[in-house]
Amino acid sequence: MAASFHDRVLELREGWRRRRELRRLASGGERAAQEALLRELYGWAARAAADIRAVYGDELPVVLTPSTWEDGTEEFRLGLGGQCGLQMCLVEWAPGQWAVAAYVTGPGEPGPRRVGTPRRNAAWTRRRFEELILGLLAAYERERLAADEAASRR
């Protein structure tokens, strides 16, 4: 059964409330605001990891570092099959100004490369975050295809 109009209104209101909150966090360069944003992104990563596991099963190992905010850790990593990964961490880009930065590693890359920039107008959104993850999954699939093609030529 479809959601009631009341439920849809509540969903719309909550969605816009979350957007305003994320924009407030992302636009503030204070360390506390960026730490809160990093924790929100970790929640998104945990849900993304669960979704990827549900789709790929044992075919693609998915590793999300545990959240250990209590010990001062200011980053997390999401690894896909040991070949691809996303690292998100706090960076100080000016004295007293902090931002969440993202680094990705694709198959065959020697190390992580930074994606995006810690600019006020480049706020993190769930869609932007999910696009990063989907890009890593696409790189994983391209690598698998190349490996399959190479194996078939032997």
N, C-alpha and C. Protein backbone atom coordinates (compact mmCIF):
# COMPACT_ATOMS: atom_id res chain seq x y z
N MET A 1 0.84 -1.18 0.00
CA MET A 1 0.00 0.00 0.00
C MET A 1 0.88 1.24 0.00
N ALA A 2 0.49 2.22 -0.73
CA ALA A 2 1.27 3.47 -0.83
C ALA A 2 1.22 4.23 0.49
N ALA A 3 2.26 5.01 0.71
CA ALA A 3 2.33 5.82 1.92
C ALA A 3 1.22 6.86 1.91
N SER A 4 0.71 7.17 3.07
CA SER A 4 -0.33 8.19 3.16
C SER A 4 0.27 9.56 2.86
N PHE A 5 -0.60 10.50 2.55
CA PHE A 5 -0.14 11.86 2.30
C PHE A 5 0.57 12.41 3.54
N HIS A 6 0.04 12.13 4.69
CA HIS A 6 0.65 12.57 5.95
C HIS A 6 2.08 12.05 6.06
N ASP A 7 2.29 10.77 5.75
CA ASP A 7 3.63 10.19 5.80
C ASP A 7 4.56 10.84 4.79
N ARG A 8 4.04 11.14 3.62
CA ARG A 8 4.85 11.78 2.60
C ARG A 8 5.25 13.19 3.01
N VAL A 9 4.32 13.92 3.65
CA VAL A 9 4.63 15.27 4.14
C VAL A 9 5.71 15.19 5.21
N LEU A 10 5.58 14.23 6.13
CA LEU A 10 6.60 14.05 7.16
C LEU A 10 7.96 13.73 6.55
N GLU A 11 7.97 12.86 5.55
CA GLU A 11 9.23 12.49 4.89
C GLU A 11 9.87 13.69 4.21
N LEU A 12 9.06 14.49 3.53
CA LEU A 12 9.57 15.68 2.87
C LEU A 12 10.16 16.66 3.89
N ARG A 13 9.44 16.89 4.96
CA ARG A 13 9.93 17.82 5.99
C ARG A 13 11.23 17.32 6.60
N GLU A 14 11.29 16.04 6.92
CA GLU A 14 12.51 15.49 7.52
C GLU A 14 13.68 15.56 6.54
N GLY A 15 13.42 15.29 5.27
CA GLY A 15 14.48 15.37 4.27
C GLY A 15 15.08 16.76 4.17
N TRP A 16 14.23 17.76 4.17
CA TRP A 16 14.73 19.14 4.09
C TRP A 16 15.40 19.56 5.39
N ARG A 17 14.93 19.07 6.53
CA ARG A 17 15.60 19.36 7.80
C ARG A 17 17.02 18.80 7.78
N ARG A 18 17.16 17.55 7.29
CA ARG A 18 18.49 16.92 7.21
C ARG A 18 19.40 17.70 6.27
N ARG A 19 18.86 18.15 5.13
CA ARG A 19 19.68 18.93 4.20
C ARG A 19 20.19 20.21 4.84
N ARG A 20 19.31 20.90 5.56
CA ARG A 20 19.74 22.14 6.23
C ARG A 20 20.82 21.85 7.26
N GLU A 21 20.64 20.78 8.02
CA GLU A 21 21.62 20.42 9.05
C GLU A 21 22.97 20.09 8.41
N LEU A 22 22.95 19.29 7.35
CA LEU A 22 24.21 18.95 6.66
C LEU A 22 24.88 20.18 6.08
N ARG A 23 24.11 21.06 5.50
CA ARG A 23 24.69 22.28 4.94
C ARG A 23 25.32 23.12 6.03
N ARG A 24 24.66 23.19 7.20
CA ARG A 24 25.21 23.94 8.32
C ARG A 24 26.54 23.33 8.77
N LEU A 25 26.58 22.01 8.90
CA LEU A 25 27.81 21.34 9.31
C LEU A 25 28.91 21.54 8.27
N ALA A 26 28.56 21.33 7.01
CA ALA A 26 29.57 21.40 5.94
C ALA A 26 30.10 22.81 5.75
N SER A 27 29.29 23.82 6.00
CA SER A 27 29.75 25.18 5.76
C SER A 27 30.57 25.73 6.92
N GLY A 28 30.48 25.10 8.06
CA GLY A 28 31.26 25.57 9.20
C GLY A 28 32.64 24.96 9.18
N GLY A 29 33.65 25.76 9.27
CA GLY A 29 35.02 25.25 9.25
C GLY A 29 35.53 24.87 10.63
N GLU A 30 34.68 25.00 11.64
CA GLU A 30 35.12 24.64 12.99
C GLU A 30 35.31 23.13 13.08
N ARG A 31 36.26 22.74 13.86
CA ARG A 31 36.59 21.33 14.01
C ARG A 31 35.39 20.51 14.48
N ALA A 32 34.65 21.01 15.46
CA ALA A 32 33.51 20.26 16.01
C ALA A 32 32.46 19.99 14.93
N ALA A 33 32.19 20.98 14.10
CA ALA A 33 31.20 20.80 13.03
C ALA A 33 31.68 19.75 12.03
N GLN A 34 32.95 19.78 11.69
CA GLN A 34 33.48 18.83 10.72
C GLN A 34 33.55 17.41 11.32
N GLU A 35 33.82 17.31 12.61
CA GLU A 35 33.77 16.00 13.26
C GLU A 35 32.37 15.43 13.21
N ALA A 36 31.36 16.27 13.45
CA ALA A 36 29.97 15.81 13.37
C ALA A 36 29.63 15.37 11.95
N LEU A 37 30.12 16.11 10.97
CA LEU A 37 29.89 15.73 9.58
C LEU A 37 30.56 14.40 9.26
N LEU A 38 31.78 14.20 9.74
CA LEU A 38 32.49 12.94 9.51
C LEU A 38 31.71 11.77 10.11
N ARG A 39 31.14 11.96 11.28
CA ARG A 39 30.33 10.91 11.91
C ARG A 39 29.08 10.60 11.08
N GLU A 40 28.48 11.63 10.51
CA GLU A 40 27.32 11.42 9.63
C GLU A 40 27.73 10.63 8.40
N LEU A 41 28.86 10.99 7.81
CA LEU A 41 29.36 10.26 6.64
C LEU A 41 29.68 8.81 7.00
N TYR A 42 30.15 8.58 8.20
CA TYR A 42 30.41 7.20 8.64
C TYR A 42 29.11 6.40 8.66
N GLY A 43 28.04 7.02 9.13
CA GLY A 43 26.74 6.34 9.10
C GLY A 43 26.32 5.99 7.68
N TRP A 44 26.55 6.90 6.75
CA TRP A 44 26.25 6.61 5.35
C TRP A 44 27.10 5.46 4.84
N ALA A 45 28.38 5.46 5.24
CA ALA A 45 29.29 4.38 4.81
C ALA A 45 28.83 3.04 5.36
N ALA A 46 28.37 3.02 6.59
CA ALA A 46 27.90 1.77 7.19
C ALA A 46 26.68 1.23 6.43
N ARG A 47 25.76 2.11 6.08
CA ARG A 47 24.59 1.68 5.30
C ARG A 47 24.99 1.24 3.89
N ALA A 48 25.94 1.96 3.29
CA ALA A 48 26.42 1.58 1.95
C ALA A 48 27.09 0.21 2.01
N ALA A 49 27.90 -0.03 3.03
CA ALA A 49 28.58 -1.33 3.17
C ALA A 49 27.56 -2.46 3.29
N ALA A 50 26.51 -2.24 4.07
CA ALA A 50 25.47 -3.25 4.23
C ALA A 50 24.76 -3.52 2.90
N ASP A 51 24.48 -2.46 2.15
CA ASP A 51 23.82 -2.63 0.84
C ASP A 51 24.72 -3.38 -0.14
N ILE A 52 26.00 -3.03 -0.15
CA ILE A 52 26.94 -3.70 -1.06
C ILE A 52 27.05 -5.18 -0.70
N ARG A 53 27.14 -5.48 0.59
CA ARG A 53 27.20 -6.88 1.03
C ARG A 53 25.94 -7.64 0.63
N ALA A 54 24.79 -6.98 0.73
CA ALA A 54 23.53 -7.64 0.37
C ALA A 54 23.49 -7.98 -1.12
N VAL A 55 24.08 -7.13 -1.95
CA VAL A 55 24.06 -7.36 -3.40
C VAL A 55 25.16 -8.33 -3.83
N TYR A 56 26.38 -8.12 -3.35
CA TYR A 56 27.53 -8.91 -3.80
C TYR A 56 27.78 -10.17 -2.98
N GLY A 57 27.29 -10.21 -1.77
CA GLY A 57 27.55 -11.37 -0.92
C GLY A 57 29.03 -11.56 -0.69
N ASP A 58 29.49 -12.82 -0.72
CA ASP A 58 30.90 -13.13 -0.47
C ASP A 58 31.80 -12.82 -1.66
N GLU A 59 31.20 -12.52 -2.80
CA GLU A 59 31.97 -12.23 -4.02
C GLU A 59 32.88 -11.01 -3.86
N LEU A 60 32.43 -10.03 -3.09
CA LEU A 60 33.19 -8.79 -2.92
C LEU A 60 33.33 -8.50 -1.42
N PRO A 61 34.50 -8.76 -0.86
CA PRO A 61 34.69 -8.44 0.55
C PRO A 61 34.59 -6.92 0.77
N VAL A 62 33.79 -6.53 1.73
CA VAL A 62 33.60 -5.12 2.07
C VAL A 62 34.05 -4.93 3.51
N VAL A 63 34.98 -4.01 3.72
CA VAL A 63 35.51 -3.76 5.05
C VAL A 63 35.32 -2.28 5.38
N LEU A 64 34.67 -2.04 6.50
CA LEU A 64 34.53 -0.67 7.00
C LEU A 64 35.23 -0.63 8.35
N THR A 65 36.22 0.26 8.47
CA THR A 65 36.92 0.35 9.75
C THR A 65 35.92 0.72 10.83
N PRO A 66 36.11 0.19 12.01
CA PRO A 66 35.16 0.52 13.09
C PRO A 66 35.27 1.98 13.48
N SER A 67 34.15 2.53 13.93
CA SER A 67 34.19 3.91 14.40
C SER A 67 34.80 3.91 15.79
N THR A 68 35.89 4.59 15.93
CA THR A 68 36.58 4.66 17.22
C THR A 68 36.80 6.12 17.57
N TRP A 69 35.73 6.87 17.55
CA TRP A 69 35.84 8.31 17.77
C TRP A 69 36.41 8.60 19.16
N GLU A 70 36.18 7.71 20.11
CA GLU A 70 36.63 7.96 21.48
C GLU A 70 38.16 8.04 21.56
N ASP A 71 38.87 7.32 20.69
CA ASP A 71 40.34 7.31 20.80
C ASP A 71 40.98 8.42 19.97
N GLY A 72 40.19 9.35 19.47
CA GLY A 72 40.74 10.47 18.72
C GLY A 72 40.93 10.22 17.24
N THR A 73 40.53 9.03 16.76
CA THR A 73 40.63 8.74 15.33
C THR A 73 39.73 9.69 14.57
N GLU A 74 40.25 10.29 13.54
CA GLU A 74 39.49 11.27 12.77
C GLU A 74 39.37 10.85 11.32
N GLU A 75 39.20 9.55 11.11
CA GLU A 75 39.06 9.05 9.75
C GLU A 75 38.35 7.71 9.79
N PHE A 76 37.89 7.30 8.62
CA PHE A 76 37.41 5.94 8.45
C PHE A 76 37.73 5.51 7.03
N ARG A 77 37.73 4.21 6.82
CA ARG A 77 38.04 3.65 5.51
C ARG A 77 36.99 2.61 5.14
N LEU A 78 36.62 2.62 3.88
CA LEU A 78 35.72 1.63 3.32
C LEU A 78 36.48 0.93 2.21
N GLY A 79 36.77 -0.35 2.40
CA GLY A 79 37.54 -1.11 1.42
C GLY A 79 36.64 -2.07 0.65
N LEU A 80 36.87 -2.16 -0.64
CA LEU A 80 36.09 -3.03 -1.51
C LEU A 80 37.03 -4.03 -2.18
N GLY A 81 36.97 -5.26 -1.74
CA GLY A 81 37.74 -6.33 -2.37
C GLY A 81 39.24 -6.19 -2.27
N GLY A 82 39.74 -5.37 -1.40
CA GLY A 82 41.18 -5.20 -1.27
C GLY A 82 41.80 -4.45 -2.43
N GLN A 83 40.99 -4.03 -3.40
CA GLN A 83 41.51 -3.34 -4.59
C GLN A 83 41.09 -1.88 -4.63
N CYS A 84 39.95 -1.57 -4.08
CA CYS A 84 39.40 -0.22 -4.13
C CYS A 84 39.11 0.24 -2.71
N GLY A 85 39.14 1.53 -2.51
CA GLY A 85 38.82 2.00 -1.18
C GLY A 85 38.54 3.48 -1.13
N LEU A 86 37.88 3.86 -0.06
CA LEU A 86 37.57 5.25 0.21
C LEU A 86 38.05 5.54 1.62
N GLN A 87 38.78 6.63 1.77
CA GLN A 87 39.22 7.10 3.07
C GLN A 87 38.65 8.49 3.26
N MET A 88 38.04 8.74 4.40
CA MET A 88 37.53 10.07 4.70
C MET A 88 38.17 10.52 6.01
N CYS A 89 38.67 11.74 6.02
CA CYS A 89 39.38 12.21 7.21
C CYS A 89 39.23 13.72 7.33
N LEU A 90 39.58 14.20 8.52
CA LEU A 90 39.61 15.64 8.75
C LEU A 90 40.96 16.20 8.31
N VAL A 91 40.91 17.33 7.65
CA VAL A 91 42.15 18.02 7.26
C VAL A 91 42.02 19.49 7.67
N GLU A 92 43.13 20.04 8.10
CA GLU A 92 43.16 21.47 8.41
C GLU A 92 43.69 22.17 7.16
N TRP A 93 42.84 22.92 6.48
CA TRP A 93 43.24 23.53 5.22
C TRP A 93 43.64 24.98 5.38
N ALA A 94 43.39 25.54 6.55
CA ALA A 94 43.86 26.88 6.90
C ALA A 94 43.90 26.90 8.43
N PRO A 95 44.65 27.80 9.03
CA PRO A 95 44.71 27.82 10.49
C PRO A 95 43.30 27.90 11.12
N GLY A 96 42.96 26.87 11.86
CA GLY A 96 41.67 26.83 12.54
C GLY A 96 40.49 26.48 11.65
N GLN A 97 40.73 26.18 10.38
CA GLN A 97 39.66 25.84 9.44
C GLN A 97 39.80 24.38 9.03
N TRP A 98 38.78 23.60 9.29
CA TRP A 98 38.80 22.17 9.05
C TRP A 98 37.78 21.78 8.01
N ALA A 99 38.02 20.66 7.34
CA ALA A 99 37.10 20.13 6.35
C ALA A 99 37.24 18.62 6.32
N VAL A 100 36.23 17.97 5.79
CA VAL A 100 36.29 16.53 5.55
C VAL A 100 36.83 16.33 4.14
N ALA A 101 37.87 15.54 4.02
CA ALA A 101 38.46 15.25 2.72
C ALA A 101 38.26 13.78 2.39
N ALA A 102 38.19 13.49 1.11
CA ALA A 102 38.02 12.10 0.65
C ALA A 102 39.16 11.72 -0.27
N TYR A 103 39.63 10.51 -0.09
CA TYR A 103 40.68 9.94 -0.93
C TYR A 103 40.19 8.59 -1.43
N VAL A 104 40.41 8.31 -2.70
CA VAL A 104 40.02 7.02 -3.25
C VAL A 104 41.24 6.32 -3.83
N THR A 105 41.16 5.00 -3.82
CA THR A 105 42.16 4.16 -4.44
C THR A 105 41.42 3.20 -5.35
N GLY A 106 41.77 3.20 -6.61
CA GLY A 106 41.16 2.28 -7.56
C GLY A 106 42.06 1.10 -7.84
N PRO A 107 41.56 0.11 -8.56
CA PRO A 107 42.38 -1.06 -8.88
C PRO A 107 43.64 -0.64 -9.62
N GLY A 108 44.77 -1.16 -9.20
CA GLY A 108 46.03 -0.89 -9.88
C GLY A 108 46.64 0.46 -9.60
N GLU A 109 45.99 1.29 -8.81
CA GLU A 109 46.56 2.60 -8.50
C GLU A 109 47.60 2.44 -7.41
N PRO A 110 48.69 3.21 -7.48
CA PRO A 110 49.76 3.05 -6.49
C PRO A 110 49.37 3.54 -5.10
N GLY A 111 48.43 4.42 -5.01
CA GLY A 111 48.04 4.95 -3.70
C GLY A 111 46.80 5.80 -3.83
N PRO A 112 46.34 6.31 -2.71
CA PRO A 112 45.10 7.10 -2.76
C PRO A 112 45.30 8.43 -3.47
N ARG A 113 44.23 8.88 -4.10
CA ARG A 113 44.22 10.21 -4.71
C ARG A 113 43.03 10.97 -4.14
N ARG A 114 43.24 12.24 -3.97
CA ARG A 114 42.19 13.07 -3.36
C ARG A 114 41.10 13.35 -4.38
N VAL A 115 39.87 13.28 -3.91
CA VAL A 115 38.73 13.64 -4.75
C VAL A 115 37.99 14.77 -4.06
N GLY A 116 37.54 15.71 -4.84
CA GLY A 116 36.86 16.86 -4.26
C GLY A 116 37.86 17.76 -3.55
N THR A 117 37.37 18.87 -3.06
CA THR A 117 38.20 19.81 -2.33
C THR A 117 37.44 20.29 -1.10
N PRO A 118 38.14 20.69 -0.08
CA PRO A 118 37.47 21.20 1.12
C PRO A 118 37.05 22.65 0.94
N ARG A 119 36.09 22.87 0.06
CA ARG A 119 35.60 24.22 -0.18
C ARG A 119 34.21 24.36 0.42
N ARG A 120 33.87 25.55 0.79
CA ARG A 120 32.55 25.79 1.38
C ARG A 120 31.44 25.44 0.40
N ASN A 121 31.65 25.67 -0.88
CA ASN A 121 30.59 25.43 -1.84
C ASN A 121 30.56 23.99 -2.34
N ALA A 122 31.37 23.14 -1.79
CA ALA A 122 31.41 21.73 -2.19
C ALA A 122 30.91 20.86 -1.04
N ALA A 123 29.73 21.18 -0.56
CA ALA A 123 29.19 20.48 0.61
C ALA A 123 28.92 19.01 0.29
N TRP A 124 29.15 18.18 1.29
CA TRP A 124 28.86 16.77 1.15
C TRP A 124 27.35 16.57 1.17
N THR A 125 26.89 15.77 0.23
CA THR A 125 25.50 15.34 0.21
C THR A 125 25.52 13.82 0.14
N ARG A 126 24.41 13.23 0.49
CA ARG A 126 24.35 11.77 0.43
C ARG A 126 24.55 11.32 -1.02
N ARG A 127 23.97 12.03 -1.95
CA ARG A 127 24.13 11.66 -3.36
C ARG A 127 25.59 11.73 -3.80
N ARG A 128 26.30 12.78 -3.41
CA ARG A 128 27.72 12.91 -3.77
C ARG A 128 28.53 11.76 -3.16
N PHE A 129 28.24 11.45 -1.90
CA PHE A 129 28.92 10.35 -1.24
C PHE A 129 28.65 9.03 -1.95
N GLU A 130 27.38 8.76 -2.27
CA GLU A 130 27.03 7.51 -2.93
C GLU A 130 27.64 7.42 -4.33
N GLU A 131 27.77 8.55 -5.02
CA GLU A 131 28.40 8.55 -6.34
C GLU A 131 29.87 8.13 -6.23
N LEU A 132 30.55 8.54 -5.18
CA LEU A 132 31.93 8.10 -4.96
C LEU A 132 31.98 6.57 -4.83
N ILE A 133 31.08 6.03 -4.03
CA ILE A 133 31.05 4.58 -3.81
C ILE A 133 30.71 3.86 -5.11
N LEU A 134 29.72 4.36 -5.84
CA LEU A 134 29.36 3.73 -7.11
C LEU A 134 30.52 3.78 -8.11
N GLY A 135 31.28 4.86 -8.09
CA GLY A 135 32.45 4.95 -8.97
C GLY A 135 33.48 3.88 -8.62
N LEU A 136 33.67 3.63 -7.34
CA LEU A 136 34.59 2.57 -6.93
C LEU A 136 34.07 1.20 -7.35
N LEU A 137 32.77 0.98 -7.22
CA LEU A 137 32.20 -0.30 -7.64
C LEU A 137 32.34 -0.48 -9.15
N ALA A 138 32.17 0.60 -9.90
CA ALA A 138 32.34 0.51 -11.36
C ALA A 138 33.79 0.17 -11.69
N ALA A 139 34.74 0.76 -10.98
CA ALA A 139 36.15 0.44 -11.21
C ALA A 139 36.43 -1.02 -10.90
N TYR A 140 35.84 -1.53 -9.84
CA TYR A 140 35.98 -2.94 -9.48
C TYR A 140 35.44 -3.83 -10.61
N GLU A 141 34.26 -3.48 -11.13
CA GLU A 141 33.65 -4.28 -12.20
C GLU A 141 34.48 -4.21 -13.49
N ARG A 142 35.03 -3.04 -13.81
CA ARG A 142 35.89 -2.92 -15.00
C ARG A 142 37.12 -3.80 -14.85
N GLU A 143 37.69 -3.82 -13.66
CA GLU A 143 38.87 -4.65 -13.41
C GLU A 143 38.54 -6.13 -13.56
N ARG A 144 37.38 -6.52 -13.07
CA ARG A 144 36.94 -7.92 -13.22
C ARG A 144 36.77 -8.28 -14.69
N LEU A 145 36.16 -7.39 -15.46
CA LEU A 145 35.95 -7.63 -16.89
C LEU A 145 37.29 -7.77 -17.60
N ALA A 146 38.23 -6.90 -17.29
CA ALA A 146 39.56 -6.97 -17.92
C ALA A 146 40.25 -8.29 -17.57
N ALA A 147 40.10 -8.71 -16.33
CA ALA A 147 40.71 -9.98 -15.90
C ALA A 147 40.06 -11.16 -16.62
N ASP A 148 38.75 -11.13 -16.77
CA ASP A 148 38.03 -12.19 -17.48
C ASP A 148 38.45 -12.24 -18.94
N GLU A 149 38.58 -11.07 -19.57
CA GLU A 149 38.98 -11.02 -20.98
C GLU A 149 40.40 -11.54 -21.15
N ALA A 150 41.28 -11.18 -20.24
CA ALA A 150 42.67 -11.66 -20.31
C ALA A 150 42.72 -13.17 -20.13
N ALA A 151 41.92 -13.68 -19.23
CA ALA A 151 41.90 -15.14 -18.99
C ALA A 151 41.34 -15.89 -20.20
N SER A 152 40.38 -15.31 -20.89
CA SER A 152 39.80 -15.98 -22.04
C SER A 152 40.74 -16.00 -23.26
N ARG A 153 41.71 -15.11 -23.29
CA ARG A 153 42.68 -15.07 -24.39
C ARG A 153 43.81 -16.08 -24.21
N ARG A 154 43.92 -16.65 -23.04
CA ARG A 154 45.01 -17.60 -22.78
C ARG A 154 44.70 -18.95 -23.35
